[in-house]
């Protein structure tokens, strides 16, 4: 599986609300950051899985659509439009995924203000 297929696989599982399949694309020591912050707000699979379980359980209409995708070495940069998330209107984000050993090890989110 190549870098693009890994990121597409997690997106497909996200859109299906399939937690187990979704987390299978991520490293056990996943780190998730907000852009320009040096400390991740999510570290380790246990916390990552708990956050996304809550998101999937509370947002049955959740969908992310890719507007633009750039693949650069071991990174994929997606411009995503997200709808159906409980407690939030539709939003746009840039997600930068870093892949090592066929798993996503790092994600940086840039949210539109």
PDB file of N, CA and C in Angstrom:
ATOM      1  N   UNK A   1       0.851  -1.170   0.000  1.00  0.00           N
ATOM      2  CA  UNK A   1       0.000   0.000   0.000  1.00  0.00           C
ATOM      3  C   UNK A   1       0.903   1.242   0.000  1.00  0.00           C
ATOM      4  N   UNK A   2       0.627   2.179  -0.900  1.00  0.00           N
ATOM      5  CA  UNK A   2       1.445   3.385  -0.948  1.00  0.00           C
ATOM      6  C   UNK A   2       0.867   4.486  -0.051  1.00  0.00           C
ATOM      7  N   UNK A   3       1.595   5.566   0.043  1.00  0.00           N
ATOM      8  CA  UNK A   3       1.234   6.678   0.929  1.00  0.00           C
ATOM      9  C   UNK A   3      -0.178   7.197   0.640  1.00  0.00           C
ATOM     10  N   UNK A   4      -0.472   7.401  -0.623  1.00  0.00           N
ATOM     11  CA  UNK A   4      -1.791   7.922  -1.005  1.00  0.00           C
ATOM     12  C   UNK A   4      -2.898   6.937  -0.621  1.00  0.00           C
ATOM     13  N   UNK A   5      -2.664   5.644  -0.837  1.00  0.00           N
ATOM     14  CA  UNK A   5      -3.668   4.625  -0.503  1.00  0.00           C
ATOM     15  C   UNK A   5      -3.916   4.546   1.005  1.00  0.00           C
ATOM     16  N   UNK A   6      -2.881   4.739   1.799  1.00  0.00           N
ATOM     17  CA  UNK A   6      -3.031   4.717   3.258  1.00  0.00           C
ATOM     18  C   UNK A   6      -3.937   5.857   3.710  1.00  0.00           C
ATOM     19  N   UNK A   7      -3.665   7.052   3.209  1.00  0.00           N
ATOM     20  CA  UNK A   7      -4.479   8.210   3.606  1.00  0.00           C
ATOM     21  C   UNK A   7      -5.906   8.070   3.070  1.00  0.00           C
ATOM     22  N   UNK A   8      -6.056   7.563   1.852  1.00  0.00           N
ATOM     23  CA  UNK A   8      -7.400   7.355   1.312  1.00  0.00           C
ATOM     24  C   UNK A   8      -8.151   6.298   2.110  1.00  0.00           C
ATOM     25  N   UNK A   9      -7.469   5.257   2.539  1.00  0.00           N
ATOM     26  CA  UNK A   9      -8.101   4.218   3.343  1.00  0.00           C
ATOM     27  C   UNK A   9      -8.641   4.745   4.656  1.00  0.00           C
ATOM     28  N   UNK A  10      -7.849   5.600   5.326  1.00  0.00           N
ATOM     29  CA  UNK A  10      -8.342   6.145   6.594  1.00  0.00           C
ATOM     30  C   UNK A  10      -9.511   7.094   6.342  1.00  0.00           C
ATOM     31  N   UNK A  11      -9.485   7.821   5.228  1.00  0.00           N
ATOM     32  CA  UNK A  11     -10.597   8.717   4.888  1.00  0.00           C
ATOM     33  C   UNK A  11     -11.870   7.916   4.615  1.00  0.00           C
ATOM     34  N   UNK A  12     -11.747   6.835   3.872  1.00  0.00           N
ATOM     35  CA  UNK A  12     -12.919   5.997   3.585  1.00  0.00           C
ATOM     36  C   UNK A  12     -13.504   5.419   4.872  1.00  0.00           C
ATOM     37  N   UNK A  13     -12.641   4.968   5.783  1.00  0.00           N
ATOM     38  CA  UNK A  13     -13.116   4.424   7.066  1.00  0.00           C
ATOM     39  C   UNK A  13     -13.742   5.527   7.921  1.00  0.00           C
ATOM     40  N   UNK A  14     -13.167   6.732   7.894  1.00  0.00           N
ATOM     41  CA  UNK A  14     -13.717   7.893   8.601  1.00  0.00           C
ATOM     42  C   UNK A  14     -15.128   8.173   8.095  1.00  0.00           C
ATOM     43  N   UNK A  15     -15.281   8.233   6.780  1.00  0.00           N
ATOM     44  CA  UNK A  15     -16.590   8.530   6.201  1.00  0.00           C
ATOM     45  C   UNK A  15     -17.609   7.434   6.453  1.00  0.00           C
ATOM     46  N   UNK A  16     -17.158   6.214   6.654  1.00  0.00           N
ATOM     47  CA  UNK A  16     -18.056   5.093   6.962  1.00  0.00           C
ATOM     48  C   UNK A  16     -18.337   4.994   8.466  1.00  0.00           C
ATOM     49  N   UNK A  17     -17.616   5.794   9.276  1.00  0.00           N
ATOM     50  CA  UNK A  17     -17.780   5.716  10.724  1.00  0.00           C
ATOM     51  C   UNK A  17     -17.272   4.402  11.292  1.00  0.00           C
ATOM     52  N   UNK A  18     -16.325   3.781  10.614  1.00  0.00           N
ATOM     53  CA  UNK A  18     -15.799   2.485  11.027  1.00  0.00           C
ATOM     54  C   UNK A  18     -14.533   2.704  11.867  1.00  0.00           C
ATOM     55  N   UNK A  19     -14.719   2.773  13.168  1.00  0.00           N
ATOM     56  CA  UNK A  19     -13.631   3.110  14.080  1.00  0.00           C
ATOM     57  C   UNK A  19     -12.461   2.139  13.981  1.00  0.00           C
ATOM     58  N   UNK A  20     -12.733   0.851  14.034  1.00  0.00           N
ATOM     59  CA  UNK A  20     -11.641  -0.127  14.016  1.00  0.00           C
ATOM     60  C   UNK A  20     -10.824  -0.032  12.728  1.00  0.00           C
ATOM     61  N   UNK A  21     -11.491   0.077  11.608  1.00  0.00           N
ATOM     62  CA  UNK A  21     -10.784   0.207  10.326  1.00  0.00           C
ATOM     63  C   UNK A  21     -10.020   1.534  10.284  1.00  0.00           C
ATOM     64  N   UNK A  22     -10.647   2.615  10.740  1.00  0.00           N
ATOM     65  CA  UNK A  22     -10.028   3.942  10.753  1.00  0.00           C
ATOM     66  C   UNK A  22      -8.715   3.924  11.537  1.00  0.00           C
ATOM     67  N   UNK A  23      -8.745   3.439  12.767  1.00  0.00           N
ATOM     68  CA  UNK A  23      -7.538   3.477  13.601  1.00  0.00           C
ATOM     69  C   UNK A  23      -6.466   2.515  13.116  1.00  0.00           C
ATOM     70  N   UNK A  24      -6.844   1.531  12.295  1.00  0.00           N
ATOM     71  CA  UNK A  24      -5.855   0.571  11.799  1.00  0.00           C
ATOM     72  C   UNK A  24      -4.822   1.219  10.870  1.00  0.00           C
ATOM     73  N   UNK A  25      -5.108   2.402  10.377  1.00  0.00           N
ATOM     74  CA  UNK A  25      -4.178   3.117   9.495  1.00  0.00           C
ATOM     75  C   UNK A  25      -3.175   3.976  10.268  1.00  0.00           C
ATOM     76  N   UNK A  26      -3.304   4.028  11.581  1.00  0.00           N
ATOM     77  CA  UNK A  26      -2.478   4.905  12.399  1.00  0.00           C
ATOM     78  C   UNK A  26      -1.538   4.112  13.302  1.00  0.00           C
ATOM     79  N   UNK A  27      -0.370   4.672  13.536  1.00  0.00           N
ATOM     80  CA  UNK A  27       0.624   4.089  14.427  1.00  0.00           C
ATOM     81  C   UNK A  27       0.126   4.121  15.871  1.00  0.00           C
ATOM     82  N   UNK A  28       0.563   3.178  16.678  1.00  0.00           N
ATOM     83  CA  UNK A  28       0.190   3.183  18.099  1.00  0.00           C
ATOM     84  C   UNK A  28       0.703   4.406  18.838  1.00  0.00           C
ATOM     85  N   UNK A  29       1.761   5.025  18.326  1.00  0.00           N
ATOM     86  CA  UNK A  29       2.272   6.237  18.974  1.00  0.00           C
ATOM     87  C   UNK A  29       1.942   7.484  18.149  1.00  0.00           C
ATOM     88  N   UNK A  30       0.737   7.491  17.557  1.00  0.00           N
ATOM     89  CA  UNK A  30       0.256   8.621  16.768  1.00  0.00           C
ATOM     90  C   UNK A  30       0.343   9.923  17.568  1.00  0.00           C
ATOM     91  N   UNK A  31       0.696  10.980  16.864  1.00  0.00           N
ATOM     92  CA  UNK A  31       0.727  12.321  17.460  1.00  0.00           C
ATOM     93  C   UNK A  31      -0.068  13.244  16.550  1.00  0.00           C
ATOM     94  N   UNK A  32      -1.014  13.988  17.155  1.00  0.00           N
ATOM     95  CA  UNK A  32      -1.860  14.901  16.405  1.00  0.00           C
ATOM     96  C   UNK A  32      -1.639  16.306  16.949  1.00  0.00           C
ATOM     97  N   UNK A  33      -1.375  17.230  16.031  1.00  0.00           N
ATOM     98  CA  UNK A  33      -1.035  18.605  16.392  1.00  0.00           C
ATOM     99  C   UNK A  33      -1.997  19.594  15.765  1.00  0.00           C
ATOM    100  N   UNK A  34      -2.140  20.727  16.424  1.00  0.00           N
ATOM    101  CA  UNK A  34      -2.712  21.911  15.801  1.00  0.00           C
ATOM    102  C   UNK A  34      -1.540  22.668  15.199  1.00  0.00           C
ATOM    103  N   UNK A  35      -1.745  23.251  14.042  1.00  0.00           N
ATOM    104  CA  UNK A  35      -0.697  23.950  13.315  1.00  0.00           C
ATOM    105  C   UNK A  35       0.002  24.973  14.205  1.00  0.00           C
ATOM    106  N   UNK A  36       1.293  24.989  14.147  1.00  0.00           N
ATOM    107  CA  UNK A  36       2.197  25.897  14.857  1.00  0.00           C
ATOM    108  C   UNK A  36       2.282  25.634  16.361  1.00  0.00           C
ATOM    109  N   UNK A  37       1.757  24.524  16.818  1.00  0.00           N
ATOM    110  CA  UNK A  37       1.925  24.160  18.223  1.00  0.00           C
ATOM    111  C   UNK A  37       2.945  23.030  18.299  1.00  0.00           C
ATOM    112  N   UNK A  38       3.819  23.131  19.275  1.00  0.00           N
ATOM    113  CA  UNK A  38       4.899  22.152  19.383  1.00  0.00           C
ATOM    114  C   UNK A  38       4.525  20.935  20.233  1.00  0.00           C
ATOM    115  N   UNK A  39       3.424  21.036  20.944  1.00  0.00           N
ATOM    116  CA  UNK A  39       2.981  19.930  21.782  1.00  0.00           C
ATOM    117  C   UNK A  39       1.726  19.312  21.166  1.00  0.00           C
ATOM    118  N   UNK A  40       1.736  18.018  20.929  1.00  0.00           N
ATOM    119  CA  UNK A  40       0.544  17.386  20.350  1.00  0.00           C
ATOM    120  C   UNK A  40      -0.620  17.389  21.340  1.00  0.00           C
ATOM    121  N   UNK A  41      -1.837  17.528  20.819  1.00  0.00           N
ATOM    122  CA  UNK A  41      -3.006  17.465  21.700  1.00  0.00           C
ATOM    123  C   UNK A  41      -3.557  16.054  21.798  1.00  0.00           C
ATOM    124  N   UNK A  42      -3.107  15.168  20.920  1.00  0.00           N
ATOM    125  CA  UNK A  42      -3.441  13.754  21.037  1.00  0.00           C
ATOM    126  C   UNK A  42      -2.158  12.959  20.890  1.00  0.00           C
ATOM    127  N   UNK A  43      -1.903  12.098  21.835  1.00  0.00           N
ATOM    128  CA  UNK A  43      -0.740  11.222  21.776  1.00  0.00           C
ATOM    129  C   UNK A  43      -1.188   9.834  22.194  1.00  0.00           C
ATOM    130  N   UNK A  44      -0.779   8.856  21.502  1.00  0.00           N
ATOM    131  CA  UNK A  44      -1.022   7.438  21.766  1.00  0.00           C
ATOM    132  C   UNK A  44      -2.386   6.984  21.244  1.00  0.00           C
ATOM    133  N   UNK A  45      -2.433   5.747  20.877  1.00  0.00           N
ATOM    134  CA  UNK A  45      -3.620   5.163  20.270  1.00  0.00           C
ATOM    135  C   UNK A  45      -4.813   5.166  21.211  1.00  0.00           C
ATOM    136  N   UNK A  46      -4.600   4.943  22.493  1.00  0.00           N
ATOM    137  CA  UNK A  46      -5.717   4.884  23.437  1.00  0.00           C
ATOM    138  C   UNK A  46      -6.523   6.188  23.414  1.00  0.00           C
ATOM    139  N   UNK A  47      -5.844   7.315  23.520  1.00  0.00           N
ATOM    140  CA  UNK A  47      -6.525   8.616  23.504  1.00  0.00           C
ATOM    141  C   UNK A  47      -7.123   8.905  22.126  1.00  0.00           C
ATOM    142  N   UNK A  48      -6.362   8.603  21.086  1.00  0.00           N
ATOM    143  CA  UNK A  48      -6.817   8.829  19.721  1.00  0.00           C
ATOM    144  C   UNK A  48      -8.115   8.072  19.453  1.00  0.00           C
ATOM    145  N   UNK A  49      -8.132   6.800  19.826  1.00  0.00           N
ATOM    146  CA  UNK A  49      -9.313   5.967  19.604  1.00  0.00           C
ATOM    147  C   UNK A  49     -10.511   6.468  20.415  1.00  0.00           C
ATOM    148  N   UNK A  50     -10.280   6.892  21.644  1.00  0.00           N
ATOM    149  CA  UNK A  50     -11.371   7.395  22.489  1.00  0.00           C
ATOM    150  C   UNK A  50     -11.996   8.654  21.886  1.00  0.00           C
ATOM    151  N   UNK A  51     -11.162   9.556  21.390  1.00  0.00           N
ATOM    152  CA  UNK A  51     -11.673  10.799  20.790  1.00  0.00           C
ATOM    153  C   UNK A  51     -12.513  10.480  19.556  1.00  0.00           C
ATOM    154  N   UNK A  52     -11.995   9.640  18.684  1.00  0.00           N
ATOM    155  CA  UNK A  52     -12.738   9.350  17.456  1.00  0.00           C
ATOM    156  C   UNK A  52     -13.943   8.453  17.691  1.00  0.00           C
ATOM    157  N   UNK A  53     -13.938   7.639  18.725  1.00  0.00           N
ATOM    158  CA  UNK A  53     -15.140   6.872  19.075  1.00  0.00           C
ATOM    159  C   UNK A  53     -16.259   7.835  19.428  1.00  0.00           C
ATOM    160  N   UNK A  54     -15.939   8.842  20.229  1.00  0.00           N
ATOM    161  CA  UNK A  54     -16.928   9.848  20.612  1.00  0.00           C
ATOM    162  C   UNK A  54     -17.425  10.614  19.380  1.00  0.00           C
ATOM    163  N   UNK A  55     -16.495  11.003  18.509  1.00  0.00           N
ATOM    164  CA  UNK A  55     -16.877  11.732  17.293  1.00  0.00           C
ATOM    165  C   UNK A  55     -17.808  10.873  16.430  1.00  0.00           C
ATOM    166  N   UNK A  56     -17.436   9.634  16.172  1.00  0.00           N
ATOM    167  CA  UNK A  56     -18.256   8.766  15.327  1.00  0.00           C
ATOM    168  C   UNK A  56     -19.615   8.476  15.963  1.00  0.00           C
ATOM    169  N   UNK A  57     -19.626   8.216  17.275  1.00  0.00           N
ATOM    170  CA  UNK A  57     -20.884   7.909  17.964  1.00  0.00           C
ATOM    171  C   UNK A  57     -21.850   9.090  17.948  1.00  0.00           C
ATOM    172  N   UNK A  58     -21.322  10.310  18.055  1.00  0.00           N
ATOM    173  CA  UNK A  58     -22.191  11.487  18.152  1.00  0.00           C
ATOM    174  C   UNK A  58     -22.467  12.155  16.803  1.00  0.00           C
ATOM    175  N   UNK A  59     -21.838  11.658  15.740  1.00  0.00           N
ATOM    176  CA  UNK A  59     -21.957  12.315  14.430  1.00  0.00           C
ATOM    177  C   UNK A  59     -22.197  11.292  13.320  1.00  0.00           C
ATOM    178  N   UNK A  60     -23.385  10.705  13.271  1.00  0.00           N
ATOM    179  CA  UNK A  60     -23.640   9.657  12.277  1.00  0.00           C
ATOM    180  C   UNK A  60     -23.602  10.150  10.824  1.00  0.00           C
ATOM    181  N   UNK A  61     -23.733  11.444  10.611  1.00  0.00           N
ATOM    182  CA  UNK A  61     -23.711  11.999   9.252  1.00  0.00           C
ATOM    183  C   UNK A  61     -22.339  12.569   8.876  1.00  0.00           C
ATOM    184  N   UNK A  62     -21.343  12.273   9.665  1.00  0.00           N
ATOM    185  CA  UNK A  62     -20.003  12.813   9.464  1.00  0.00           C
ATOM    186  C   UNK A  62     -19.420  12.406   8.113  1.00  0.00           C
ATOM    187  N   UNK A  63     -18.898  13.401   7.384  1.00  0.00           N
ATOM    188  CA  UNK A  63     -18.256  13.145   6.096  1.00  0.00           C
ATOM    189  C   UNK A  63     -17.148  14.169   5.879  1.00  0.00           C
ATOM    190  N   UNK A  64     -16.067  13.707   5.292  1.00  0.00           N
ATOM    191  CA  UNK A  64     -14.986  14.593   4.851  1.00  0.00           C
ATOM    192  C   UNK A  64     -14.812  14.381   3.359  1.00  0.00           C
ATOM    193  N   UNK A  65     -14.791  15.482   2.629  1.00  0.00           N
ATOM    194  CA  UNK A  65     -14.612  15.438   1.179  1.00  0.00           C
ATOM    195  C   UNK A  65     -13.309  16.153   0.864  1.00  0.00           C
ATOM    196  N   UNK A  66     -12.505  15.528   0.042  1.00  0.00           N
ATOM    197  CA  UNK A  66     -11.212  16.111  -0.326  1.00  0.00           C
ATOM    198  C   UNK A  66     -11.410  17.077  -1.484  1.00  0.00           C
ATOM    199  N   UNK A  67     -11.018  18.319  -1.263  1.00  0.00           N
ATOM    200  CA  UNK A  67     -11.044  19.328  -2.307  1.00  0.00           C
ATOM    201  C   UNK A  67      -9.757  19.250  -3.125  1.00  0.00           C
ATOM    202  N   UNK A  68      -8.622  19.128  -2.432  1.00  0.00           N
ATOM    203  CA  UNK A  68      -7.312  19.051  -3.075  1.00  0.00           C
ATOM    204  C   UNK A  68      -6.434  18.093  -2.285  1.00  0.00           C
ATOM    205  N   UNK A  69      -5.637  17.302  -2.996  1.00  0.00           N
ATOM    206  CA  UNK A  69      -4.700  16.395  -2.331  1.00  0.00           C
ATOM    207  C   UNK A  69      -3.338  16.536  -3.001  1.00  0.00           C
ATOM    208  N   UNK A  70      -2.308  16.669  -2.164  1.00  0.00           N
ATOM    209  CA  UNK A  70      -0.927  16.719  -2.637  1.00  0.00           C
ATOM    210  C   UNK A  70      -0.173  15.587  -1.943  1.00  0.00           C
ATOM    211  N   UNK A  71       0.514  14.778  -2.730  1.00  0.00           N
ATOM    212  CA  UNK A  71       1.370  13.732  -2.178  1.00  0.00           C
ATOM    213  C   UNK A  71       2.806  14.184  -2.394  1.00  0.00           C
ATOM    214  N   UNK A  72       3.561  14.245  -1.302  1.00  0.00           N
ATOM    215  CA  UNK A  72       4.944  14.717  -1.358  1.00  0.00           C
ATOM    216  C   UNK A  72       5.790  13.836  -0.464  1.00  0.00           C
ATOM    217  N   UNK A  73       6.568  12.966  -1.068  1.00  0.00           N
ATOM    218  CA  UNK A  73       7.417  12.040  -0.329  1.00  0.00           C
ATOM    219  C   UNK A  73       6.543  11.192   0.596  1.00  0.00           C
ATOM    220  N   UNK A  74       6.794  11.224   1.901  1.00  0.00           N
ATOM    221  CA  UNK A  74       6.005  10.419   2.838  1.00  0.00           C
ATOM    222  C   UNK A  74       4.896  11.234   3.497  1.00  0.00           C
ATOM    223  N   UNK A  75       4.516  12.327   2.859  1.00  0.00           N
ATOM    224  CA  UNK A  75       3.462  13.186   3.401  1.00  0.00           C
ATOM    225  C   UNK A  75       2.326  13.342   2.399  1.00  0.00           C
ATOM    226  N   UNK A  76       1.117  13.443   2.936  1.00  0.00           N
ATOM    227  CA  UNK A  76      -0.053  13.748   2.128  1.00  0.00           C
ATOM    228  C   UNK A  76      -0.705  14.968   2.751  1.00  0.00           C
ATOM    229  N   UNK A  77      -0.992  15.950   1.907  1.00  0.00           N
ATOM    230  CA  UNK A  77      -1.616  17.189   2.360  1.00  0.00           C
ATOM    231  C   UNK A  77      -2.997  17.249   1.729  1.00  0.00           C
ATOM    232  N   UNK A  78      -4.021  17.212   2.570  1.00  0.00           N
ATOM    233  CA  UNK A  78      -5.407  17.251   2.093  1.00  0.00           C
ATOM    234  C   UNK A  78      -6.081  18.541   2.511  1.00  0.00           C
ATOM    235  N   UNK A  79      -6.784  19.160   1.571  1.00  0.00           N
ATOM    236  CA  UNK A  79      -7.706  20.248   1.884  1.00  0.00           C
ATOM    237  C   UNK A  79      -9.071  19.579   1.973  1.00  0.00           C
ATOM    238  N   UNK A  80      -9.612  19.517   3.193  1.00  0.00           N
ATOM    239  CA  UNK A  80     -10.831  18.762   3.455  1.00  0.00           C
ATOM    240  C   UNK A  80     -11.988  19.679   3.815  1.00  0.00           C
ATOM    241  N   UNK A  81     -13.165  19.308   3.352  1.00  0.00           N
ATOM    242  CA  UNK A  81     -14.405  19.958   3.776  1.00  0.00           C
ATOM    243  C   UNK A  81     -15.164  18.924   4.591  1.00  0.00           C
ATOM    244  N   UNK A  82     -15.423  19.259   5.851  1.00  0.00           N
ATOM    245  CA  UNK A  82     -16.025  18.310   6.790  1.00  0.00           C
ATOM    246  C   UNK A  82     -17.441  18.770   7.122  1.00  0.00           C
ATOM    247  N   UNK A  83     -18.392  17.853   7.019  1.00  0.00           N
ATOM    248  CA  UNK A  83     -19.783  18.149   7.362  1.00  0.00           C
ATOM    249  C   UNK A  83     -20.306  17.071   8.303  1.00  0.00           C
ATOM    250  N   UNK A  84     -21.390  17.396   9.003  1.00  0.00           N
ATOM    251  CA  UNK A  84     -22.082  16.411   9.826  1.00  0.00           C
ATOM    252  C   UNK A  84     -21.488  16.164  11.194  1.00  0.00           C
ATOM    253  N   UNK A  85     -20.534  16.983  11.597  1.00  0.00           N
ATOM    254  CA  UNK A  85     -19.943  16.789  12.925  1.00  0.00           C
ATOM    255  C   UNK A  85     -20.815  17.474  13.965  1.00  0.00           C
ATOM    256  N   UNK A  86     -21.271  16.708  14.942  1.00  0.00           N
ATOM    257  CA  UNK A  86     -22.159  17.244  15.971  1.00  0.00           C
ATOM    258  C   UNK A  86     -21.487  18.406  16.691  1.00  0.00           C
ATOM    259  N   UNK A  87     -22.249  19.474  16.868  1.00  0.00           N
ATOM    260  CA  UNK A  87     -21.748  20.641  17.596  1.00  0.00           C
ATOM    261  C   UNK A  87     -20.907  21.570  16.750  1.00  0.00           C
ATOM    262  N   UNK A  88     -20.789  21.290  15.467  1.00  0.00           N
ATOM    263  CA  UNK A  88     -19.980  22.152  14.604  1.00  0.00           C
ATOM    264  C   UNK A  88     -20.653  22.279  13.244  1.00  0.00           C
ATOM    265  N   UNK A  89     -20.581  23.469  12.703  1.00  0.00           N
ATOM    266  CA  UNK A  89     -21.055  23.647  11.339  1.00  0.00           C
ATOM    267  C   UNK A  89     -20.018  23.025  10.417  1.00  0.00           C
ATOM    268  N   UNK A  90     -20.313  23.017   9.144  1.00  0.00           N
ATOM    269  CA  UNK A  90     -19.317  22.495   8.212  1.00  0.00           C
ATOM    270  C   UNK A  90     -18.039  23.308   8.354  1.00  0.00           C
ATOM    271  N   UNK A  91     -16.920  22.654   8.109  1.00  0.00           N
ATOM    272  CA  UNK A  91     -15.643  23.329   8.295  1.00  0.00           C
ATOM    273  C   UNK A  91     -14.675  22.920   7.203  1.00  0.00           C
ATOM    274  N   UNK A  92     -13.628  23.703   7.077  1.00  0.00           N
ATOM    275  CA  UNK A  92     -12.551  23.390   6.154  1.00  0.00           C
ATOM    276  C   UNK A  92     -11.270  23.259   6.960  1.00  0.00           C
ATOM    277  N   UNK A  93     -10.498  22.257   6.637  1.00  0.00           N
ATOM    278  CA  UNK A  93      -9.211  22.063   7.294  1.00  0.00           C
ATOM    279  C   UNK A  93      -8.174  21.621   6.269  1.00  0.00           C
ATOM    280  N   UNK A  94      -6.938  21.895   6.592  1.00  0.00           N
ATOM    281  CA  UNK A  94      -5.810  21.287   5.902  1.00  0.00           C
ATOM    282  C   UNK A  94      -5.294  20.230   6.865  1.00  0.00           C
ATOM    283  N   UNK A  95      -5.148  19.024   6.383  1.00  0.00           N
ATOM    284  CA  UNK A  95      -4.597  17.935   7.190  1.00  0.00           C
ATOM    285  C   UNK A  95      -3.303  17.481   6.524  1.00  0.00           C
ATOM    286  N   UNK A  96      -2.241  17.467   7.294  1.00  0.00           N
ATOM    287  CA  UNK A  96      -0.946  17.012   6.800  1.00  0.00           C
ATOM    288  C   UNK A  96      -0.641  15.694   7.504  1.00  0.00           C
ATOM    289  N   UNK A  97      -0.631  14.618   6.733  1.00  0.00           N
ATOM    290  CA  UNK A  97      -0.398  13.282   7.252  1.00  0.00           C
ATOM    291  C   UNK A  97       1.033  12.874   6.959  1.00  0.00           C
ATOM    292  N   UNK A  98       1.707  12.323   7.949  1.00  0.00           N
ATOM    293  CA  UNK A  98       3.058  11.804   7.753  1.00  0.00           C
ATOM    294  C   UNK A  98       3.020  10.295   7.950  1.00  0.00           C
ATOM    295  N   UNK A  99       3.568   9.571   6.991  1.00  0.00           N
ATOM    296  CA  UNK A  99       3.499   8.118   7.000  1.00  0.00           C
ATOM    297  C   UNK A  99       4.897   7.519   7.152  1.00  0.00           C
ATOM    298  N   UNK A 100       5.021   6.549   8.063  1.00  0.00           N
ATOM    299  CA  UNK A 100       6.251   5.782   8.242  1.00  0.00           C
ATOM    300  C   UNK A 100       5.867   4.329   8.446  1.00  0.00           C
ATOM    301  N   UNK A 101       6.569   3.426   7.789  1.00  0.00           N
ATOM    302  CA  UNK A 101       6.303   1.987   7.904  1.00  0.00           C
ATOM    303  C   UNK A 101       4.837   1.642   7.636  1.00  0.00           C
ATOM    304  N   UNK A 102       4.269   2.312   6.628  1.00  0.00           N
ATOM    305  CA  UNK A 102       2.904   2.057   6.158  1.00  0.00           C
ATOM    306  C   UNK A 102       1.819   2.400   7.176  1.00  0.00           C
ATOM    307  N   UNK A 103       2.145   3.288   8.152  1.00  0.00           N
ATOM    308  CA  UNK A 103       1.160   3.777   9.112  1.00  0.00           C
ATOM    309  C   UNK A 103       1.291   5.290   9.236  1.00  0.00           C
ATOM    310  N   UNK A 104       0.182   5.939   9.537  1.00  0.00           N
ATOM    311  CA  UNK A 104       0.201   7.381   9.778  1.00  0.00           C
ATOM    312  C   UNK A 104       0.741   7.602  11.189  1.00  0.00           C
ATOM    313  N   UNK A 105       1.848   8.350  11.280  1.00  0.00           N
ATOM    314  CA  UNK A 105       2.490   8.575  12.581  1.00  0.00           C
ATOM    315  C   UNK A 105       2.250   9.972  13.125  1.00  0.00           C
ATOM    316  N   UNK A 106       1.884  10.884  12.242  1.00  0.00           N
ATOM    317  CA  UNK A 106       1.719  12.274  12.665  1.00  0.00           C
ATOM    318  C   UNK A 106       0.671  12.936  11.783  1.00  0.00           C
ATOM    319  N   UNK A 107      -0.178  13.761  12.419  1.00  0.00           N
ATOM    320  CA  UNK A 107      -1.146  14.563  11.683  1.00  0.00           C
ATOM    321  C   UNK A 107      -1.078  15.979  12.239  1.00  0.00           C
ATOM    322  N   UNK A 108      -1.036  16.949  11.331  1.00  0.00           N
ATOM    323  CA  UNK A 108      -1.096  18.362  11.713  1.00  0.00           C
ATOM    324  C   UNK A 108      -2.341  18.935  11.045  1.00  0.00           C
ATOM    325  N   UNK A 109      -3.189  19.591  11.841  1.00  0.00           N
ATOM    326  CA  UNK A 109      -4.407  20.213  11.324  1.00  0.00           C
ATOM    327  C   UNK A 109      -4.271  21.725  11.314  1.00  0.00           C
ATOM    328  N   UNK A 110      -4.655  22.314  10.207  1.00  0.00           N
ATOM    329  CA  UNK A 110      -4.765  23.767  10.086  1.00  0.00           C
ATOM    330  C   UNK A 110      -6.244  24.045   9.845  1.00  0.00           C
ATOM    331  N   UNK A 111      -6.871  24.748  10.774  1.00  0.00           N
ATOM    332  CA  UNK A 111      -8.301  25.043  10.640  1.00  0.00           C
ATOM    333  C   UNK A 111      -8.496  26.437  10.068  1.00  0.00           C
ATOM    334  N   UNK A 112      -9.474  26.539   9.188  1.00  0.00           N
ATOM    335  CA  UNK A 112      -9.813  27.838   8.609  1.00  0.00           C
ATOM    336  C   UNK A 112     -10.453  28.702   9.677  1.00  0.00           C
ATOM    337  N   UNK A 113     -10.025  29.953   9.733  1.00  0.00           N
ATOM    338  CA  UNK A 113     -10.549  30.835  10.791  1.00  0.00           C
ATOM    339  C   UNK A 113     -11.640  31.729  10.289  1.00  0.00           C
TER     340      UNK A 113
END
